[in-house]
């Protein structure tokens, strides 16, 4: 994984709405955007963490940590923390993702200094009260059991496990029943000691505040925080070798859920001539399944009436990401729905999109990207995410340029490279499973071995 972006913006640089980046002597990276249009300041604390950094036997570790982190510090109880936050109408919460761990903060400018200090205290010295740990663990186990009854969750989980194999992305963000039973306060303390350190922290601050003031507040609360003498852990992830096959789970539901999955490019993939594979796949995902005008929605739902729900997903990941198209349909339409999904994806590498189609989807994607940066919170989230992923705040402009450079021939080339041989995940009644088996038999699949679960 790339280190944090090394560019340091001089302290004397001043321009509202443009990000300024400074790295403190103890390694904390600070990104500040001055925006005086509203009396609101949003802050984010990003750490490299999340699913990618968990041993398989501890899957769900960062999820449990996120649920407990704000439930007490060495100085304050859970109730005292909640009262401090709610007394000024602020928000403070912790979350985890596949590639990073996040603490979010938003408040009015007058209360920002106090809330930033509170956020720093929670990050540096959480108490992880044992009763809170046990309560959140039980709640997570209940959620996992409930998800086993949700066809979409089952279909996506079995697809991730099949595609990612021994990679940490294979397991759900919350972990599994087996792994959560192995997690307790001791594991959370060890995780915190390992990953919560200043040289693994990116702080983004966006709103009615100057660069000097923002830096001074971070230094006041965390400038004395020193990293341990040992280096940040390096984790070498296993190679993922695609072996497309199909997986089914029989559930007696009123709909069948079908997902076609392909192993795509990482967001960190080196830039190729003209544009990256990542940008081209983002564009293709938007074309297929983003919104009411998307190809899948128009063709499979509006014209053919096959879909309760239909879309495409291609999340940004440090390691190779998963490109998926999915549909929820009446079990009697299983074969037609699978065939429709398959044909629409195959169309991307069988014939190029027209120049009009390419330009239309570029306008849509870039328009949505711009609309996703309207609030201080959205900007703090996006810039911090780029920084913690090793892309740097410059990626905000680079991504837009990459999208603008995707040509019809580039989209065709990328589709042929990644989207030719799908994994298929299906959850539904017996009749849907039979329909899939018959369809694959006629199409001569690459791997006819079905992994069935009852």
Protein backbone atom coordinates (compact mmCIF):
# COMPACT_ATOMS: atom_id res chain seq x y z
CA UNK A 1 0.00 0.00 0.00
CA UNK A 2 1.23 3.51 -0.81
CA UNK A 3 2.23 5.81 2.09
CA UNK A 4 0.32 8.97 2.78
CA UNK A 5 0.79 11.58 0.09
CA UNK A 6 3.98 13.48 0.88
CA UNK A 7 3.06 16.91 -0.52
CA UNK A 8 3.17 19.60 2.14
CA UNK A 9 1.26 22.81 1.45
CA UNK A 10 3.05 25.86 2.93
CA UNK A 11 1.37 27.42 5.93
CA UNK A 12 1.31 30.81 4.19
CA UNK A 13 -0.86 29.41 1.36
CA UNK A 14 -4.37 30.80 1.61
CA UNK A 15 -7.38 30.16 -0.60
CA UNK A 16 -10.91 29.37 0.48
CA UNK A 17 -12.39 26.14 -0.83
CA UNK A 18 -8.99 24.66 -1.82
CA UNK A 19 -7.46 21.95 0.41
CA UNK A 20 -4.30 22.68 2.36
CA UNK A 21 -2.27 19.75 3.65
CA UNK A 22 0.24 19.84 6.53
CA UNK A 23 2.08 16.98 8.26
CA UNK A 24 2.88 17.53 11.94
CA UNK A 25 6.22 16.44 13.44
CA UNK A 26 4.55 13.41 15.07
CA UNK A 27 3.21 12.22 11.71
CA UNK A 28 -0.42 13.41 11.81
CA UNK A 29 -1.60 14.54 8.38
CA UNK A 30 -4.01 17.49 8.46
CA UNK A 31 -6.12 18.56 5.49
CA UNK A 32 -8.02 21.83 5.89
CA UNK A 33 -10.54 23.53 3.63
CA UNK A 34 -11.74 26.99 4.66
CA UNK A 35 -15.40 27.55 3.87
CA UNK A 36 -17.08 30.51 5.56
CA UNK A 37 -20.42 30.18 3.78
CA UNK A 38 -21.99 28.44 6.81
CA UNK A 39 -21.33 28.43 10.55
CA UNK A 40 -20.59 24.69 10.51
CA UNK A 41 -17.33 22.78 10.83
CA UNK A 42 -16.98 19.09 9.95
CA UNK A 43 -13.99 16.98 10.94
CA UNK A 44 -12.96 13.44 10.15
CA UNK A 45 -10.32 11.23 11.77
CA UNK A 46 -9.17 8.51 9.37
CA UNK A 47 -7.01 5.51 10.28
CA UNK A 48 -5.84 2.71 8.05
CA UNK A 49 -7.88 -0.18 9.41
CA UNK A 50 -11.06 -2.09 8.68
CA UNK A 51 -11.61 -5.47 7.07
CA UNK A 52 -8.41 -5.42 5.01
CA UNK A 53 -6.29 -5.24 8.15
CA UNK A 54 -8.02 -8.01 10.11
CA UNK A 55 -6.79 -11.60 10.46
CA UNK A 56 -9.52 -13.92 9.18
CA UNK A 57 -9.99 -15.40 12.65
CA UNK A 58 -10.72 -11.88 13.95
CA UNK A 59 -13.16 -10.75 11.24
CA UNK A 60 -15.45 -8.08 12.68
CA UNK A 61 -12.76 -6.69 15.00
CA UNK A 62 -12.89 -3.13 13.65
CA UNK A 63 -16.68 -3.23 13.48
CA UNK A 64 -16.87 -4.08 17.18
CA UNK A 65 -14.27 -1.43 17.93
CA UNK A 66 -16.37 1.19 16.09
CA UNK A 67 -19.43 0.23 18.14
CA UNK A 68 -17.59 0.64 21.46
CA UNK A 69 -15.05 3.41 20.83
CA UNK A 70 -17.37 6.26 21.87
CA UNK A 71 -18.72 4.42 24.94
CA UNK A 72 -16.14 5.73 27.38
CA UNK A 73 -12.66 7.20 27.80
CA UNK A 74 -10.18 7.13 30.66
CA UNK A 75 -11.83 10.31 31.97
CA UNK A 76 -15.46 10.16 30.82
CA UNK A 77 -18.27 7.63 30.91
CA UNK A 78 -20.49 6.80 27.97
CA UNK A 79 -23.26 8.98 29.40
CA UNK A 80 -20.94 11.93 30.00
CA UNK A 81 -19.68 11.74 26.42
CA UNK A 82 -23.22 11.64 25.08
CA UNK A 83 -24.24 14.61 27.22
CA UNK A 84 -21.30 16.70 26.00
CA UNK A 85 -22.17 15.99 22.38
CA UNK A 86 -25.93 16.46 22.67
CA UNK A 87 -25.73 19.59 24.83
CA UNK A 88 -24.42 21.56 21.84
CA UNK A 89 -26.42 19.77 19.15
CA UNK A 90 -23.29 18.21 17.65
CA UNK A 91 -22.69 14.75 16.24
CA UNK A 92 -19.78 12.39 16.86
CA UNK A 93 -19.68 8.79 15.71
CA UNK A 94 -17.33 5.99 14.67
CA UNK A 95 -17.54 3.75 11.62
CA UNK A 96 -15.47 1.15 9.83
CA UNK A 97 -15.16 0.12 6.19
CA UNK A 98 -13.20 -2.42 4.19
CA UNK A 99 -10.09 -0.19 4.02
CA UNK A 100 -10.21 2.39 6.81
CA UNK A 101 -11.59 3.30 10.22
CA UNK A 102 -13.33 6.63 10.70
CA UNK A 103 -14.48 8.97 13.48
CA UNK A 104 -16.84 11.72 12.26
CA UNK A 105 -17.54 15.04 13.95
CA UNK A 106 -19.82 17.97 13.04
CA UNK A 107 -20.71 21.04 15.09
CA UNK A 108 -21.17 24.80 14.93
CA UNK A 109 -17.97 26.83 14.80
CA UNK A 110 -18.29 28.14 18.36
CA UNK A 111 -18.20 24.63 19.83
CA UNK A 112 -15.63 23.12 17.48
CA UNK A 113 -12.58 23.47 19.72
CA UNK A 114 -14.28 21.65 22.60
CA UNK A 115 -15.68 18.89 20.36
CA UNK A 116 -12.35 18.37 18.59
CA UNK A 117 -10.69 17.98 21.96
CA UNK A 118 -13.34 15.43 22.95
CA UNK A 119 -12.82 13.52 19.70
CA UNK A 120 -9.09 13.43 20.31
CA UNK A 121 -9.60 12.13 23.85
CA UNK A 122 -11.88 9.34 22.66
CA UNK A 123 -9.43 8.35 19.95
CA UNK A 124 -6.37 8.37 22.19
CA UNK A 125 -7.72 6.86 25.40
CA UNK A 126 -10.90 4.80 24.97
CA UNK A 127 -11.78 2.70 28.00
CA UNK A 128 -13.69 -0.11 26.22
CA UNK A 129 -15.97 -0.90 29.20
CA UNK A 130 -16.51 -4.65 29.37
CA UNK A 131 -20.33 -4.41 29.72
CA UNK A 132 -20.49 -2.22 26.60
CA UNK A 133 -18.25 -4.60 24.68
CA UNK A 134 -20.45 -7.55 25.55
CA UNK A 135 -23.65 -5.65 24.72
CA UNK A 136 -22.39 -4.56 21.29
CA UNK A 137 -21.09 -8.04 20.55
CA UNK A 138 -24.52 -9.54 21.30
CA UNK A 139 -26.22 -6.93 19.11
CA UNK A 140 -23.82 -7.68 16.26
CA UNK A 141 -24.53 -11.41 16.58
CA UNK A 142 -28.26 -10.72 16.40
CA UNK A 143 -27.76 -8.63 13.26
CA UNK A 144 -25.71 -11.38 11.63
CA UNK A 145 -28.43 -13.92 12.38
CA UNK A 146 -31.05 -11.58 10.90
CA UNK A 147 -28.97 -11.06 7.75
CA UNK A 148 -29.00 -14.79 7.09
CA UNK A 149 -32.72 -14.40 6.36
CA UNK A 150 -32.17 -11.52 3.90
CA UNK A 151 -31.66 -12.82 0.35
CA UNK A 152 -29.53 -9.88 -0.82
CA UNK A 153 -27.17 -10.18 2.15
CA UNK A 154 -26.79 -13.92 1.65
CA UNK A 155 -26.19 -13.54 -2.08
CA UNK A 156 -23.55 -10.82 -1.67
CA UNK A 157 -21.78 -12.58 1.20
CA UNK A 158 -21.45 -15.89 -0.66
CA UNK A 159 -20.21 -14.04 -3.74
CA UNK A 160 -17.53 -12.18 -1.77
CA UNK A 161 -16.38 -15.39 -0.14
CA UNK A 162 -16.11 -17.15 -3.52
CA UNK A 163 -14.26 -14.37 -5.34
CA UNK A 164 -11.89 -13.22 -2.59
CA UNK A 165 -11.03 -16.68 -1.26
CA UNK A 166 -8.35 -16.15 1.45
CA UNK A 167 -8.31 -12.37 1.17
CA UNK A 168 -9.90 -10.45 4.11
CA UNK A 169 -12.46 -8.89 1.74
CA UNK A 170 -14.05 -12.34 1.58
CA UNK A 171 -15.70 -11.93 4.98
CA UNK A 172 -18.49 -9.53 5.98
CA UNK A 173 -17.68 -6.22 7.64
CA UNK A 174 -19.37 -7.43 10.85
CA UNK A 175 -17.48 -10.70 10.79
CA UNK A 176 -19.17 -14.04 11.36
CA UNK A 177 -20.84 -15.74 14.30
CA UNK A 178 -17.69 -17.80 14.83
CA UNK A 179 -15.21 -14.91 14.72
CA UNK A 180 -17.29 -12.55 16.89
CA UNK A 181 -17.43 -15.16 19.64
CA UNK A 182 -13.62 -14.90 19.79
CA UNK A 183 -13.55 -11.12 20.28
CA UNK A 184 -13.61 -9.27 23.59
CA UNK A 185 -12.09 -6.32 25.38
CA UNK A 186 -8.55 -7.68 25.23
CA UNK A 187 -8.64 -7.92 21.42
CA UNK A 188 -10.01 -4.37 21.15
CA UNK A 189 -7.24 -2.97 23.36
CA UNK A 190 -4.58 -4.73 21.28
CA UNK A 191 -6.13 -3.48 18.05
CA UNK A 192 -6.23 0.08 19.36
CA UNK A 193 -2.60 -0.08 20.47
CA UNK A 194 -1.55 -1.31 17.04
CA UNK A 195 -3.50 0.94 14.66
CA UNK A 196 -4.35 4.11 16.58
CA UNK A 197 -1.10 6.05 16.33
CA UNK A 198 -0.33 9.54 14.98
CA UNK A 199 1.63 8.36 11.92
CA UNK A 200 -1.49 6.42 10.87
CA UNK A 201 -3.89 9.34 11.27
CA UNK A 202 -5.38 11.76 8.74
CA UNK A 203 -7.48 14.62 10.13
CA UNK A 204 -9.68 16.57 7.71
CA UNK A 205 -11.32 19.81 8.84
CA UNK A 206 -13.73 21.71 6.58
CA UNK A 207 -15.74 24.80 7.45
CA UNK A 208 -15.60 28.20 9.09
CA UNK A 209 -12.04 28.02 10.38
CA UNK A 210 -8.63 29.23 9.25
CA UNK A 211 -5.74 26.93 8.44
CA UNK A 212 -3.64 28.30 11.31
CA UNK A 213 -6.46 27.83 13.80
CA UNK A 214 -7.20 24.28 12.65
CA UNK A 215 -3.55 23.25 12.93
CA UNK A 216 -3.24 24.88 16.35
CA UNK A 217 -6.27 22.98 17.67
CA UNK A 218 -4.97 19.62 16.43
CA UNK A 219 -1.53 20.32 17.87
CA UNK A 220 -3.08 21.33 21.19
CA UNK A 221 -5.04 18.10 21.50
CA UNK A 222 -2.73 15.59 19.81
CA UNK A 223 0.64 17.26 19.21
CA UNK A 224 2.21 15.43 22.16
CA UNK A 225 0.98 12.03 20.93
CA UNK A 226 3.95 9.91 19.87
CA UNK A 227 4.01 6.76 17.76
CA UNK A 228 5.35 3.57 19.33
CA UNK A 229 8.97 2.59 18.52
CA UNK A 230 7.92 -0.25 16.19
CA UNK A 231 6.86 0.38 12.57
CA UNK A 232 3.28 0.35 11.36
CA UNK A 233 2.35 -3.25 10.48
CA UNK A 234 2.76 -4.27 6.86
CA UNK A 235 0.22 -6.81 5.66
CA UNK A 236 0.90 -8.67 2.42
CA UNK A 237 -2.43 -9.78 1.02
CA UNK A 238 -2.81 -13.08 -0.86
CA UNK A 239 -3.09 -13.10 -4.63
CA UNK A 240 -6.64 -13.52 -5.88
CA UNK A 241 -6.91 -15.95 -8.78
CA UNK A 242 -10.33 -15.73 -10.47
CA UNK A 243 -12.08 -19.09 -10.78
CA UNK A 244 -15.61 -18.23 -11.96
CA UNK A 245 -18.36 -20.62 -10.90
CA UNK A 246 -21.86 -20.34 -9.57
CA UNK A 247 -23.20 -20.53 -6.03
CA UNK A 248 -26.74 -21.04 -4.82
CA UNK A 249 -28.57 -20.90 -1.53
CA UNK A 250 -32.11 -22.23 -1.35
CA UNK A 251 -34.48 -19.94 0.52
CA UNK A 252 -38.25 -20.16 0.31
CA UNK A 253 -38.71 -16.49 -0.51
CA UNK A 254 -41.08 -14.62 -2.81
CA UNK A 255 -38.21 -13.37 -4.95
CA UNK A 256 -34.98 -14.66 -6.40
CA UNK A 257 -31.82 -12.58 -6.01
CA UNK A 258 -29.23 -12.95 -8.77
CA UNK A 259 -25.78 -11.34 -8.79
CA UNK A 260 -23.13 -11.51 -11.47
CA UNK A 261 -19.69 -10.67 -10.07
CA UNK A 262 -16.34 -9.87 -11.69
CA UNK A 263 -12.97 -9.09 -10.12
CA UNK A 264 -12.13 -5.52 -11.12
CA UNK A 265 -9.29 -3.03 -10.68
CA UNK A 266 -8.02 -1.39 -7.51
CA UNK A 267 -8.38 2.36 -7.08
CA UNK A 268 -4.60 2.40 -6.57
CA UNK A 269 -3.87 0.79 -9.91
CA UNK A 270 -1.05 2.65 -11.70
CA UNK A 271 -2.23 5.05 -14.36
CA UNK A 272 -2.37 3.65 -17.87
CA UNK A 273 -2.23 5.66 -21.13
CA UNK A 274 -5.05 8.20 -21.34
CA UNK A 275 -7.09 6.87 -18.40
CA UNK A 276 -7.07 4.19 -15.73
CA UNK A 277 -8.96 0.92 -15.77
CA UNK A 278 -10.51 2.07 -12.51
CA UNK A 279 -12.04 5.15 -14.13
CA UNK A 280 -13.35 3.15 -17.08
CA UNK A 281 -14.97 0.59 -14.77
CA UNK A 282 -16.57 3.40 -12.76
CA UNK A 283 -18.02 4.74 -15.95
CA UNK A 284 -19.32 1.31 -17.04
CA UNK A 285 -20.89 0.71 -13.64
CA UNK A 286 -22.67 4.07 -13.86
CA UNK A 287 -23.86 3.28 -17.38
CA UNK A 288 -25.26 -0.10 -16.36
CA UNK A 289 -26.88 0.52 -13.03
CA UNK A 290 -26.89 4.05 -11.66
CA UNK A 291 -30.35 5.59 -11.55
CA UNK A 292 -33.64 5.42 -13.43
CA UNK A 293 -32.00 6.11 -16.79
CA UNK A 294 -29.40 3.34 -16.46
CA UNK A 295 -29.25 0.55 -19.00
CA UNK A 296 -30.29 -2.23 -16.60
CA UNK A 297 -33.22 -0.26 -15.18
CA UNK A 298 -34.58 0.70 -18.59
CA UNK A 299 -34.09 -2.67 -20.30
CA UNK A 300 -34.90 -5.14 -17.51
CA UNK A 301 -37.39 -3.25 -15.36
CA UNK A 302 -39.12 -0.70 -17.55
CA UNK A 303 -39.24 -2.57 -20.87
CA UNK A 304 -39.42 -6.20 -19.72
CA UNK A 305 -40.84 -5.97 -16.20
CA UNK A 306 -38.34 -8.47 -14.82
CA UNK A 307 -36.99 -6.57 -11.82
CA UNK A 308 -38.15 -5.60 -8.37
CA UNK A 309 -34.71 -4.07 -7.96
CA UNK A 310 -31.81 -3.92 -10.42
CA UNK A 311 -28.49 -2.07 -10.30
CA UNK A 312 -24.69 -2.25 -10.56
CA UNK A 313 -22.00 -1.67 -7.95
CA UNK A 314 -18.27 -1.05 -8.18
CA UNK A 315 -16.90 0.20 -4.84
CA UNK A 316 -13.45 1.79 -4.60
CA UNK A 317 -10.98 -0.48 -2.80
CA UNK A 318 -7.26 -0.52 -1.97
CA UNK A 319 -7.04 -4.04 -3.39
CA UNK A 320 -8.91 -5.37 -6.47
CA UNK A 321 -12.57 -4.47 -6.18
CA UNK A 322 -15.74 -6.35 -7.05
CA UNK A 323 -17.80 -5.26 -10.06
CA UNK A 324 -21.36 -6.56 -9.69
CA UNK A 325 -24.72 -6.36 -11.42
CA UNK A 326 -27.72 -7.64 -9.52
CA UNK A 327 -31.46 -8.13 -9.81
CA UNK A 328 -34.34 -9.14 -7.56
CA UNK A 329 -37.04 -10.89 -9.56
CA UNK A 330 -40.04 -13.19 -9.33
CA UNK A 331 -38.77 -16.79 -9.16
CA UNK A 332 -40.72 -17.62 -12.33
CA UNK A 333 -38.55 -15.07 -14.17
CA UNK A 334 -35.21 -16.42 -12.97
CA UNK A 335 -33.90 -17.63 -16.30
CA UNK A 336 -34.99 -14.51 -18.18
CA UNK A 337 -33.48 -12.26 -15.50
CA UNK A 338 -30.11 -14.05 -15.50
CA UNK A 339 -30.02 -14.04 -19.27
CA UNK A 340 -30.87 -10.35 -19.33
CA UNK A 341 -28.12 -9.41 -16.87
CA UNK A 342 -25.60 -11.55 -18.71
CA UNK A 343 -26.49 -10.10 -22.11
CA UNK A 344 -26.24 -6.51 -20.91
CA UNK A 345 -22.77 -7.02 -19.45
CA UNK A 346 -21.58 -9.01 -22.47
CA UNK A 347 -22.76 -6.21 -24.71
CA UNK A 348 -20.08 -3.98 -23.18
CA UNK A 349 -17.24 -6.04 -24.64
CA UNK A 350 -18.99 -7.33 -27.75
CA UNK A 351 -19.56 -3.87 -29.25
CA UNK A 352 -18.35 -0.38 -28.26
CA UNK A 353 -20.61 2.16 -26.66
CA UNK A 354 -21.42 5.02 -28.98
CA UNK A 355 -19.80 8.41 -28.53
CA UNK A 356 -23.18 9.77 -27.44
CA UNK A 357 -23.57 7.03 -24.80
CA UNK A 358 -20.03 7.65 -23.51
CA UNK A 359 -20.55 11.40 -23.23
CA UNK A 360 -23.95 11.01 -21.60
CA UNK A 361 -22.63 8.72 -18.89
CA UNK A 362 -19.59 10.98 -18.34
CA UNK A 363 -21.90 13.93 -17.76
CA UNK A 364 -24.00 11.87 -15.37
CA UNK A 365 -21.05 10.54 -13.37
CA UNK A 366 -19.25 13.87 -13.11
CA UNK A 367 -22.48 15.66 -12.25
CA UNK A 368 -23.20 13.24 -9.43
CA UNK A 369 -19.59 13.57 -8.27
CA UNK A 370 -19.96 17.35 -8.05
CA UNK A 371 -23.27 17.07 -6.20
CA UNK A 372 -21.56 14.78 -3.68
CA UNK A 373 -19.28 17.62 -2.56
CA UNK A 374 -21.81 20.24 -1.52
CA UNK A 375 -21.58 20.07 2.27
CA UNK A 376 -18.61 20.45 4.60
CA UNK A 377 -19.14 16.88 5.79
CA UNK A 378 -19.06 15.51 2.25
CA UNK A 379 -15.85 17.37 1.44
CA UNK A 380 -14.16 16.28 4.67
CA UNK A 381 -15.15 12.70 3.97
CA UNK A 382 -13.95 12.65 0.38
CA UNK A 383 -10.59 14.35 0.88
CA UNK A 384 -9.76 12.30 3.96
CA UNK A 385 -10.72 9.12 2.14
CA UNK A 386 -8.36 9.97 -0.72
CA UNK A 387 -5.54 10.74 1.70
CA UNK A 388 -5.89 7.59 3.83
CA UNK A 389 -6.05 5.44 0.67
CA UNK A 390 -2.67 6.81 -0.38
CA UNK A 391 -4.08 8.75 -3.33
CA UNK A 392 -3.66 12.25 -1.95
CA UNK A 393 -6.09 15.16 -2.20
CA UNK A 394 -4.85 15.65 -5.77
CA UNK A 395 -6.97 12.67 -6.75
CA UNK A 396 -10.03 14.90 -6.59
CA UNK A 397 -8.88 16.51 -9.85
CA UNK A 398 -7.16 13.41 -11.24
CA UNK A 399 -10.34 11.35 -11.04
CA UNK A 400 -12.33 13.92 -13.02
CA UNK A 401 -9.60 14.07 -15.63
CA UNK A 402 -9.42 10.27 -15.87
CA UNK A 403 -13.17 10.07 -16.42
CA UNK A 404 -13.07 12.76 -19.10
CA UNK A 405 -10.35 10.82 -20.97
CA UNK A 406 -12.21 7.49 -21.13
CA UNK A 407 -12.98 6.76 -24.78
CA UNK A 408 -15.35 4.27 -26.34
CA UNK A 409 -12.41 2.07 -27.32
CA UNK A 410 -10.97 2.26 -23.79
CA UNK A 411 -14.31 1.21 -22.29
CA UNK A 412 -14.46 -1.72 -24.71
CA UNK A 413 -10.91 -2.77 -23.88
CA UNK A 414 -11.54 -2.65 -20.13
CA UNK A 415 -14.84 -4.54 -20.41
CA UNK A 416 -13.08 -7.29 -22.36
CA UNK A 417 -10.32 -7.45 -19.75
CA UNK A 418 -12.56 -7.70 -16.68
CA UNK A 419 -16.19 -8.48 -17.57
CA UNK A 420 -16.17 -11.64 -19.68
CA UNK A 421 -16.49 -14.52 -17.21
CA UNK A 422 -18.83 -13.94 -14.24
CA UNK A 423 -19.29 -15.60 -10.92
CA UNK A 424 -23.01 -16.12 -10.37
CA UNK A 425 -24.64 -15.96 -6.94
CA UNK A 426 -28.31 -16.89 -6.59
CA UNK A 427 -30.60 -17.01 -3.56
CA UNK A 428 -34.16 -18.21 -4.03
CA UNK A 429 -36.52 -21.18 -4.02
CA UNK A 430 -35.83 -24.59 -5.59
CA UNK A 431 -37.38 -23.57 -8.89
CA UNK A 432 -34.90 -20.70 -9.29
CA UNK A 433 -31.94 -22.95 -8.60
CA UNK A 434 -33.21 -25.43 -11.21
CA UNK A 435 -33.62 -22.62 -13.76
CA UNK A 436 -30.03 -21.50 -13.22
CA UNK A 437 -28.68 -25.04 -13.55
CA UNK A 438 -30.54 -25.61 -16.80
CA UNK A 439 -29.42 -22.27 -18.23
CA UNK A 440 -25.77 -22.90 -17.40
CA UNK A 441 -25.93 -26.37 -18.90
CA UNK A 442 -27.09 -24.86 -22.19
CA UNK A 443 -24.45 -22.12 -22.10
CA UNK A 444 -21.55 -24.50 -21.32
CA UNK A 445 -20.16 -22.68 -18.26
CA UNK A 446 -16.45 -22.51 -17.54
CA UNK A 447 -16.96 -24.38 -14.27
CA UNK A 448 -20.14 -26.45 -13.99
CA UNK A 449 -19.56 -27.40 -10.36
CA UNK A 450 -22.31 -25.84 -8.29
CA UNK A 451 -21.68 -24.98 -4.66
CA UNK A 452 -25.14 -25.38 -3.19
CA UNK A 453 -26.23 -24.51 0.32
CA UNK A 454 -29.53 -25.44 1.92
